[in-house]
């Protein structure tokens, strides 16, 4: 695969991620009036489009996971010791 093909594939993946994030923004914002940040939406959209799991340490992604069926999120906590 040449560089031009890789760039085209990356552009397509980013466009799909943006569209997924826009869908989630409208869906969450309209129903709960608790919109996620643009960064959170982009992360959720990218993860959903690629079948990835979001590792997080805050409640934003738990909200997204509860209400967006394509988002899978795992809370990561650090135990001192």
C-alpha atoms as a PDB file:
ATOM      1  CA  UNK A   1       0.000   0.000   0.000  1.00  0.00           C
ATOM      2  CA  UNK A   2       1.494   3.330  -0.997  1.00  0.00           C
ATOM      3  CA  UNK A   3       1.441   6.538   1.043  1.00  0.00           C
ATOM      4  CA  UNK A   4      -1.303   8.115  -1.049  1.00  0.00           C
ATOM      5  CA  UNK A   5      -3.597   5.145  -0.439  1.00  0.00           C
ATOM      6  CA  UNK A   6      -2.855   5.242   3.291  1.00  0.00           C
ATOM      7  CA  UNK A   7      -3.654   8.958   3.419  1.00  0.00           C
ATOM      8  CA  UNK A   8      -6.931   8.383   1.551  1.00  0.00           C
ATOM      9  CA  UNK A   9      -7.900   5.603   3.976  1.00  0.00           C
ATOM     10  CA  UNK A  10      -7.045   7.782   6.973  1.00  0.00           C
ATOM     11  CA  UNK A  11      -9.112  10.652   5.546  1.00  0.00           C
ATOM     12  CA  UNK A  12     -12.078   8.330   5.018  1.00  0.00           C
ATOM     13  CA  UNK A  13     -11.790   6.952   8.558  1.00  0.00           C
ATOM     14  CA  UNK A  14     -11.629  10.453  10.023  1.00  0.00           C
ATOM     15  CA  UNK A  15     -14.681  11.519   8.011  1.00  0.00           C
ATOM     16  CA  UNK A  16     -16.627   8.480   9.286  1.00  0.00           C
ATOM     17  CA  UNK A  17     -15.544   9.272  12.850  1.00  0.00           C
ATOM     18  CA  UNK A  18     -16.695  12.870  12.506  1.00  0.00           C
ATOM     19  CA  UNK A  19     -20.079  11.785  11.155  1.00  0.00           C
ATOM     20  CA  UNK A  20     -20.516   9.290  14.004  1.00  0.00           C
ATOM     21  CA  UNK A  21     -19.589  11.996  16.523  1.00  0.00           C
ATOM     22  CA  UNK A  22     -22.130  14.389  14.981  1.00  0.00           C
ATOM     23  CA  UNK A  23     -24.814  11.712  15.236  1.00  0.00           C
ATOM     24  CA  UNK A  24     -24.020  11.145  18.907  1.00  0.00           C
ATOM     25  CA  UNK A  25     -23.907  14.872  19.642  1.00  0.00           C
ATOM     26  CA  UNK A  26     -27.378  15.404  18.239  1.00  0.00           C
ATOM     27  CA  UNK A  27     -28.773  12.284  19.841  1.00  0.00           C
ATOM     28  CA  UNK A  28     -27.392  12.941  23.314  1.00  0.00           C
ATOM     29  CA  UNK A  29     -27.910  16.695  23.270  1.00  0.00           C
ATOM     30  CA  UNK A  30     -31.528  16.444  22.163  1.00  0.00           C
ATOM     31  CA  UNK A  31     -32.495  13.847  24.745  1.00  0.00           C
ATOM     32  CA  UNK A  32     -30.531  14.630  27.875  1.00  0.00           C
ATOM     33  CA  UNK A  33     -29.303  18.206  27.468  1.00  0.00           C
ATOM     34  CA  UNK A  34     -25.940  16.937  28.704  1.00  0.00           C
ATOM     35  CA  UNK A  35     -23.850  17.108  25.554  1.00  0.00           C
ATOM     36  CA  UNK A  36     -20.397  15.621  25.638  1.00  0.00           C
ATOM     37  CA  UNK A  37     -17.447  17.772  24.632  1.00  0.00           C
ATOM     38  CA  UNK A  38     -16.323  17.790  21.025  1.00  0.00           C
ATOM     39  CA  UNK A  39     -13.244  15.787  22.016  1.00  0.00           C
ATOM     40  CA  UNK A  40     -15.374  13.190  23.833  1.00  0.00           C
ATOM     41  CA  UNK A  41     -17.639  12.885  20.795  1.00  0.00           C
ATOM     42  CA  UNK A  42     -14.716  12.498  18.415  1.00  0.00           C
ATOM     43  CA  UNK A  43     -13.229   9.788  20.631  1.00  0.00           C
ATOM     44  CA  UNK A  44     -16.586   7.983  20.836  1.00  0.00           C
ATOM     45  CA  UNK A  45     -17.157   8.288  17.092  1.00  0.00           C
ATOM     46  CA  UNK A  46     -13.687   7.010  16.254  1.00  0.00           C
ATOM     47  CA  UNK A  47     -13.971   4.094  18.673  1.00  0.00           C
ATOM     48  CA  UNK A  48     -17.431   3.145  17.398  1.00  0.00           C
ATOM     49  CA  UNK A  49     -16.411   3.371  13.737  1.00  0.00           C
ATOM     50  CA  UNK A  50     -13.378   1.153  14.309  1.00  0.00           C
ATOM     51  CA  UNK A  51     -14.864  -1.238  16.878  1.00  0.00           C
ATOM     52  CA  UNK A  52     -12.517  -0.052  19.627  1.00  0.00           C
ATOM     53  CA  UNK A  53     -12.980   0.191  23.394  1.00  0.00           C
ATOM     54  CA  UNK A  54     -12.633   3.594  25.089  1.00  0.00           C
ATOM     55  CA  UNK A  55     -10.499   3.429  28.245  1.00  0.00           C
ATOM     56  CA  UNK A  56     -11.420   6.334  30.516  1.00  0.00           C
ATOM     57  CA  UNK A  57     -11.462   7.678  34.053  1.00  0.00           C
ATOM     58  CA  UNK A  58     -14.553   9.904  34.054  1.00  0.00           C
ATOM     59  CA  UNK A  59     -18.327   9.616  33.792  1.00  0.00           C
ATOM     60  CA  UNK A  60     -18.642  11.167  30.310  1.00  0.00           C
ATOM     61  CA  UNK A  61     -17.895   7.912  28.538  1.00  0.00           C
ATOM     62  CA  UNK A  62     -20.191   5.951  30.833  1.00  0.00           C
ATOM     63  CA  UNK A  63     -22.984   8.296  29.716  1.00  0.00           C
ATOM     64  CA  UNK A  64     -22.073   7.729  26.078  1.00  0.00           C
ATOM     65  CA  UNK A  65     -21.918   3.956  26.562  1.00  0.00           C
ATOM     66  CA  UNK A  66     -25.361   3.860  28.209  1.00  0.00           C
ATOM     67  CA  UNK A  67     -27.048   5.791  25.427  1.00  0.00           C
ATOM     68  CA  UNK A  68     -25.034   5.026  22.278  1.00  0.00           C
ATOM     69  CA  UNK A  69     -25.129   1.333  21.398  1.00  0.00           C
ATOM     70  CA  UNK A  70     -21.898   1.375  19.360  1.00  0.00           C
ATOM     71  CA  UNK A  71     -19.744   2.816  22.158  1.00  0.00           C
ATOM     72  CA  UNK A  72     -17.924   0.411  24.465  1.00  0.00           C
ATOM     73  CA  UNK A  73     -16.139   2.008  27.415  1.00  0.00           C
ATOM     74  CA  UNK A  74     -14.140   0.615  30.321  1.00  0.00           C
ATOM     75  CA  UNK A  75     -13.353   2.697  33.370  1.00  0.00           C
ATOM     76  CA  UNK A  76      -9.679   2.539  34.342  1.00  0.00           C
ATOM     77  CA  UNK A  77      -8.640   3.423  37.874  1.00  0.00           C
ATOM     78  CA  UNK A  78      -5.188   3.460  39.340  1.00  0.00           C
ATOM     79  CA  UNK A  79      -4.610   1.818  42.680  1.00  0.00           C
ATOM     80  CA  UNK A  80      -1.630   3.136  44.606  1.00  0.00           C
ATOM     81  CA  UNK A  81       0.498   0.441  45.999  1.00  0.00           C
END
